[in-house]
Amino acid sequence: MEYQNPQALVSTVWLVENLNTDGVRIVDASYFMPGAKRNAKEEFAAQHIPGAVFFDIDDVCLPASDHMLPDAEMFSAKVGALGIGNGDKVVVYDSNNGGMAAARVWWTFRVFGHDNVCLLNGSLKAWLAEGRPVTNEAPAPGPATFAAVKNDAMVRDINQMLANVESGAEQVIDARSKERFDGIEIDKREGARSGHIPGSFNIPFNTFFDKDRNCVMRDAEELTQTITAAGCDLNRPITATCGSGVTASMLAFGLFLLGREDVPVYDGSWSEWGIRPDTPVEP
């Protein structure tokens, strides 16, 4: 069994060979939760893949939100300032384990109409393990023109998710840990309840990685088995959710590799659902 969309994933070998290729833009999308006691910007400044620019999901977002999507005008301006244009091939990685934050940026580019975007397989962890080059040189990209057009079909909001609880038209897969999904682990967000959206399935995002191979993506057969073992039917509509819309994007990415190009992400995810008083919760 092969990936249906293998172009969405590039190897470290491919990237080494294309570091200086015109039209290839490398993006570091590293992001850490506050409790991780790591600073993504500082780590990027200390070492990053040569030519990479830093994409800050807490900056390229809806103001005063938990890194929810910005509007098309803001996205266009922020991405253009990073030196990325509509004609570029964008390669995204992060310094998280496997690329969960990179997947969020991959999804965001696709939401805003840019399909020529892919992930570095294994992300920075694999790159470093193989002794690939890094630099601490600060990037100085020239501005580019990026014209974003938002594809609303790739995003779900809270009203759509509430309606779906009643209709069951779309399967909902949750990328959080089993402990958070089951309500055993207390949510760290102030005022958030524990549990999950009624009727949803749990597929922790890190089950898509092969930890024995520096967190590269599992092959197509293993991804399919992981998804179906959770109870999800690959032939029915699927929406992904998580804690704040980041790790859900890895589920959407894995499904994209399998040929499912129509999997939206609930942007607000549990940071919205778990706090609202009008949303039903299952333990």
Protein backbone atom coordinates (compact mmCIF):
# COMPACT_ATOMS: atom_id res chain seq x y z
CA MET A 1 0.00 0.00 0.00
CA GLU A 2 1.37 3.39 -1.06
CA TYR A 3 0.54 6.95 -0.05
CA GLN A 4 -2.00 8.51 -2.39
CA ASN A 5 -0.44 11.96 -1.93
CA PRO A 6 3.29 11.25 -1.46
CA GLN A 7 4.18 14.78 -2.65
CA ALA A 8 3.05 16.09 0.75
CA LEU A 9 6.11 14.55 2.41
CA VAL A 10 9.76 15.13 1.53
CA SER A 11 12.79 13.30 2.90
CA THR A 12 15.86 14.79 4.53
CA VAL A 13 17.83 13.62 1.48
CA TRP A 14 15.54 15.57 -0.85
CA LEU A 15 15.81 18.71 1.26
CA VAL A 16 19.61 18.56 1.42
CA GLU A 17 19.67 18.38 -2.36
CA ASN A 18 17.27 21.32 -2.67
CA LEU A 19 18.44 23.71 0.04
CA ASN A 20 19.49 26.25 -2.58
CA THR A 21 16.85 25.56 -5.21
CA ASP A 22 15.00 28.63 -6.43
CA GLY A 23 11.37 28.59 -5.38
CA VAL A 24 11.87 26.28 -2.39
CA ARG A 25 11.07 28.04 0.88
CA ILE A 26 11.81 26.34 4.21
CA VAL A 27 9.69 27.15 7.24
CA ASP A 28 10.40 26.35 10.90
CA ALA A 29 7.01 26.07 12.61
CA SER A 30 8.19 25.06 16.09
CA TYR A 31 5.71 25.71 18.90
CA PHE A 32 5.66 24.69 22.54
CA MET A 33 2.97 24.84 25.18
CA PRO A 34 3.80 27.22 28.08
CA GLY A 35 4.38 24.32 30.46
CA ALA A 36 7.10 22.86 28.23
CA LYS A 37 9.61 25.49 29.44
CA ARG A 38 11.06 25.78 25.93
CA ASN A 39 11.23 28.87 23.75
CA ALA A 40 10.75 28.13 20.06
CA LYS A 41 12.12 31.49 18.88
CA GLU A 42 15.28 31.14 20.99
CA GLU A 43 15.84 27.59 19.76
CA PHE A 44 15.39 28.73 16.17
CA ALA A 45 17.94 31.51 16.72
CA ALA A 46 20.42 28.97 18.12
CA GLN A 47 20.06 26.47 15.28
CA HIS A 48 17.83 25.92 12.28
CA ILE A 49 17.98 24.43 8.82
CA PRO A 50 19.88 26.78 6.48
CA GLY A 51 17.55 29.16 4.67
CA ALA A 52 14.62 28.57 7.03
CA VAL A 53 12.37 31.34 8.30
CA PHE A 54 10.40 31.17 11.55
CA PHE A 55 6.60 30.94 11.37
CA ASP A 56 5.10 31.95 14.72
CA ILE A 57 1.59 30.50 15.03
CA ASP A 58 0.92 32.84 17.96
CA ASP A 59 1.67 35.81 15.70
CA VAL A 60 0.06 34.68 12.45
CA CYS A 61 -3.34 34.27 14.07
CA LEU A 62 -6.63 35.89 15.00
CA PRO A 63 -5.80 38.58 17.58
CA ALA A 64 -6.54 37.65 21.22
CA SER A 65 -7.16 34.00 20.32
CA ASP A 66 -5.50 30.70 21.09
CA HIS A 67 -3.65 30.82 17.71
CA MET A 68 -6.87 30.52 15.71
CA LEU A 69 -6.75 31.31 12.00
CA PRO A 70 -6.21 34.93 10.94
CA ASP A 71 -8.09 36.49 8.06
CA ALA A 72 -6.75 36.22 4.53
CA GLU A 73 -5.37 39.77 4.56
CA MET A 74 -3.22 39.15 7.64
CA PHE A 75 -2.02 35.80 6.37
CA SER A 76 -1.02 37.33 3.05
CA ALA A 77 0.95 40.11 4.74
CA LYS A 78 2.71 37.86 7.28
CA VAL A 79 3.66 35.18 4.77
CA GLY A 80 4.79 37.72 2.19
CA ALA A 81 7.04 39.31 4.81
CA LEU A 82 8.68 35.90 5.28
CA GLY A 83 9.66 35.95 1.61
CA ILE A 84 7.10 33.36 0.52
CA GLY A 85 5.12 33.92 -2.68
CA ASN A 86 2.27 32.07 -4.34
CA GLY A 87 4.62 30.31 -6.74
CA ASP A 88 6.90 28.85 -4.08
CA LYS A 89 7.14 25.29 -2.82
CA VAL A 90 6.95 25.46 0.98
CA VAL A 91 8.66 22.82 3.13
CA VAL A 92 7.65 22.90 6.80
CA TYR A 93 9.38 21.32 9.79
CA ASP A 94 9.53 21.87 13.54
CA SER A 95 11.62 20.92 16.55
CA ASN A 96 8.73 19.09 18.22
CA ASN A 97 8.66 15.31 18.13
CA GLY A 98 7.70 14.44 14.59
CA GLY A 99 6.14 17.58 13.20
CA MET A 100 2.83 18.21 14.95
CA ALA A 101 3.25 22.00 14.85
CA ALA A 102 4.54 21.80 11.28
CA ALA A 103 1.32 20.04 10.33
CA ARG A 104 -0.66 22.98 11.69
CA VAL A 105 1.23 25.35 9.39
CA TRP A 106 0.87 22.89 6.47
CA TRP A 107 -2.90 22.90 7.05
CA THR A 108 -2.98 26.70 7.39
CA PHE A 109 -1.27 27.18 4.05
CA ARG A 110 -3.80 24.87 2.42
CA VAL A 111 -6.70 26.70 4.09
CA PHE A 112 -5.44 29.87 2.42
CA GLY A 113 -5.22 28.33 -1.02
CA HIS A 114 -1.58 27.23 -1.18
CA ASP A 115 -1.42 23.52 -2.02
CA ASN A 116 2.29 23.41 -2.90
CA VAL A 117 3.26 22.77 0.72
CA CYS A 118 4.77 19.68 2.31
CA LEU A 119 6.29 18.38 5.55
CA LEU A 120 9.86 17.30 6.15
CA ASN A 121 9.58 13.66 7.17
CA GLY A 122 10.88 13.25 10.72
CA SER A 123 11.23 17.02 11.04
CA LEU A 124 14.25 18.52 12.84
CA LYS A 125 14.70 15.43 15.02
CA ALA A 126 15.53 13.26 12.01
CA TRP A 127 17.58 16.06 10.40
CA LEU A 128 19.83 16.37 13.45
CA ALA A 129 20.09 12.61 13.99
CA GLU A 130 21.47 12.28 10.46
CA GLY A 131 24.04 15.05 11.00
CA ARG A 132 22.48 17.38 8.45
CA PRO A 133 23.62 21.05 8.37
CA VAL A 134 22.22 23.69 10.70
CA THR A 135 23.02 27.36 11.18
CA ASN A 136 22.42 30.19 13.64
CA GLU A 137 22.49 32.79 10.88
CA ALA A 138 19.48 35.09 11.14
CA PRO A 139 17.33 34.93 7.99
CA ALA A 140 16.83 38.11 5.99
CA PRO A 141 14.24 37.25 3.33
CA GLY A 142 13.22 39.78 0.75
CA PRO A 143 9.48 40.52 0.72
CA ALA A 144 7.29 38.53 -1.63
CA THR A 145 3.72 38.78 -2.83
CA PHE A 146 1.32 36.24 -1.41
CA ALA A 147 -2.38 36.50 -2.20
CA ALA A 148 -4.42 34.26 0.13
CA VAL A 149 -7.90 32.97 -0.63
CA LYS A 150 -9.53 31.20 2.29
CA ASN A 151 -11.15 27.80 1.73
CA ASP A 152 -13.85 27.65 4.40
CA ALA A 153 -14.57 24.00 3.58
CA MET A 154 -11.33 23.06 5.36
CA VAL A 155 -12.37 24.65 8.67
CA ARG A 156 -15.09 23.88 11.18
CA ASP A 157 -16.42 26.36 13.73
CA ILE A 158 -18.28 25.75 16.96
CA ASN A 159 -21.75 26.13 15.45
CA GLN A 160 -20.98 23.50 12.83
CA MET A 161 -19.59 21.19 15.51
CA LEU A 162 -22.66 21.64 17.72
CA ALA A 163 -24.91 20.84 14.75
CA ASN A 164 -22.81 17.77 14.00
CA VAL A 165 -23.32 16.38 17.51
CA GLU A 166 -27.02 16.24 16.66
CA SER A 167 -26.70 15.03 13.06
CA GLY A 168 -23.68 12.75 13.28
CA ALA A 169 -23.01 13.60 9.63
CA GLU A 170 -19.25 13.80 10.19
CA GLN A 171 -17.08 11.53 12.28
CA VAL A 172 -14.96 13.50 14.73
CA ILE A 173 -11.45 12.30 15.55
CA ASP A 174 -9.62 13.76 18.55
CA ALA A 175 -5.80 13.96 18.50
CA ARG A 176 -5.31 14.47 22.24
CA SER A 177 -3.88 11.84 24.56
CA LYS A 178 -6.16 9.05 25.78
CA GLU A 179 -5.95 10.46 29.31
CA ARG A 180 -7.21 13.87 28.20
CA PHE A 181 -9.82 12.36 25.89
CA ASP A 182 -11.17 10.13 28.68
CA GLY A 183 -11.22 13.01 31.16
CA ILE A 184 -8.69 11.33 33.46
CA GLU A 185 -6.14 14.11 33.02
CA ILE A 186 -7.42 17.50 34.13
CA ASP A 187 -7.26 20.13 31.40
CA LYS A 188 -4.72 22.83 32.24
CA ARG A 189 -6.74 25.65 30.68
CA GLU A 190 -8.50 27.73 33.30
CA GLY A 191 -12.22 26.96 33.35
CA ALA A 192 -11.98 24.05 30.93
CA ARG A 193 -13.89 20.87 31.60
CA SER A 194 -12.40 17.43 31.02
CA GLY A 195 -13.57 14.87 28.49
CA HIS A 196 -14.41 14.96 24.79
CA ILE A 197 -17.00 15.90 22.18
CA PRO A 198 -19.83 13.33 22.29
CA GLY A 199 -19.45 10.56 19.73
CA SER A 200 -15.85 11.37 18.82
CA PHE A 201 -13.03 8.87 18.37
CA ASN A 202 -9.60 9.12 19.96
CA ILE A 203 -6.51 8.88 17.72
CA PRO A 204 -3.54 10.43 19.58
CA PHE A 205 -1.50 12.32 17.00
CA ASN A 206 1.79 10.66 17.97
CA THR A 207 0.46 7.25 16.93
CA PHE A 208 1.09 8.44 13.36
CA PHE A 209 4.86 8.46 14.00
CA ASP A 210 7.39 5.65 13.98
CA LYS A 211 9.44 6.49 17.07
CA ASP A 212 12.10 3.93 16.14
CA ARG A 213 12.88 5.95 13.02
CA ASN A 214 13.21 9.45 14.50
CA CYS A 215 9.48 10.14 14.38
CA VAL A 216 9.04 9.76 10.63
CA MET A 217 5.52 9.11 9.41
CA ARG A 218 4.25 5.55 9.48
CA ASP A 219 3.62 3.94 6.14
CA ALA A 220 0.21 3.93 4.47
CA GLU A 221 -0.81 0.50 5.74
CA GLU A 222 0.11 1.35 9.34
CA LEU A 223 -1.71 4.68 9.17
CA THR A 224 -4.81 2.97 7.82
CA GLN A 225 -4.72 0.36 10.57
CA THR A 226 -4.29 3.02 13.27
CA ILE A 227 -7.28 4.99 12.01
CA THR A 228 -9.64 2.06 11.52
CA ALA A 229 -8.64 0.49 14.85
CA ALA A 230 -9.98 3.61 16.55
CA GLY A 231 -13.39 2.96 14.99
CA CYS A 232 -13.19 5.54 12.22
CA ASP A 233 -14.64 4.69 8.80
CA LEU A 234 -12.36 6.03 6.06
CA ASN A 235 -15.26 6.08 3.61
CA ARG A 236 -17.31 8.57 5.64
CA PRO A 237 -16.79 12.32 6.26
CA ILE A 238 -14.23 13.08 8.96
CA THR A 239 -13.36 16.20 10.99
CA ALA A 240 -10.29 16.50 13.23
CA THR A 241 -10.06 18.20 16.62
CA CYS A 242 -7.60 18.39 19.53
CA GLY A 243 -6.64 20.82 22.30
CA SER A 244 -6.18 24.01 20.28
CA GLY A 245 -6.17 23.02 16.62
CA VAL A 246 -2.49 22.10 16.38
CA THR A 247 -2.22 18.32 16.74
CA ALA A 248 -5.54 17.83 14.92
CA SER A 249 -3.71 19.05 11.84
CA MET A 250 -1.42 16.02 12.04
CA LEU A 251 -4.47 13.77 11.77
CA ALA A 252 -5.63 15.76 8.74
CA PHE A 253 -2.13 15.42 7.28
CA GLY A 254 -2.00 11.65 7.76
CA LEU A 255 -5.41 11.29 6.13
CA PHE A 256 -4.23 13.52 3.27
CA LEU A 257 -1.36 11.12 2.65
CA LEU A 258 -3.97 8.37 2.35
CA GLY A 259 -5.90 10.36 -0.24
CA ARG A 260 -8.45 12.09 1.99
CA GLU A 261 -8.04 15.72 0.92
CA ASP A 262 -11.36 16.82 2.42
CA VAL A 263 -10.69 16.53 6.18
CA PRO A 264 -11.33 19.85 7.95
CA VAL A 265 -10.00 20.88 11.36
CA TYR A 266 -12.12 22.33 14.16
CA ASP A 267 -10.08 25.47 14.70
CA GLY A 268 -11.29 26.28 18.22
CA SER A 269 -10.96 22.66 19.40
CA TRP A 270 -11.01 21.95 23.15
CA SER A 271 -9.70 25.41 24.08
CA GLU A 272 -13.10 26.65 22.89
CA TRP A 273 -15.37 23.63 23.34
CA GLY A 274 -14.18 22.75 26.84
CA ILE A 275 -14.76 26.25 28.19
CA ARG A 276 -18.13 27.07 26.64
CA PRO A 277 -21.08 26.35 28.97
CA ASP A 278 -23.38 25.37 26.10
CA THR A 279 -21.33 22.48 24.71
CA PRO A 280 -22.03 18.87 25.66
CA VAL A 281 -19.15 16.83 27.05
CA GLU A 282 -18.63 13.10 27.48
CA PRO A 283 -16.20 11.84 30.13
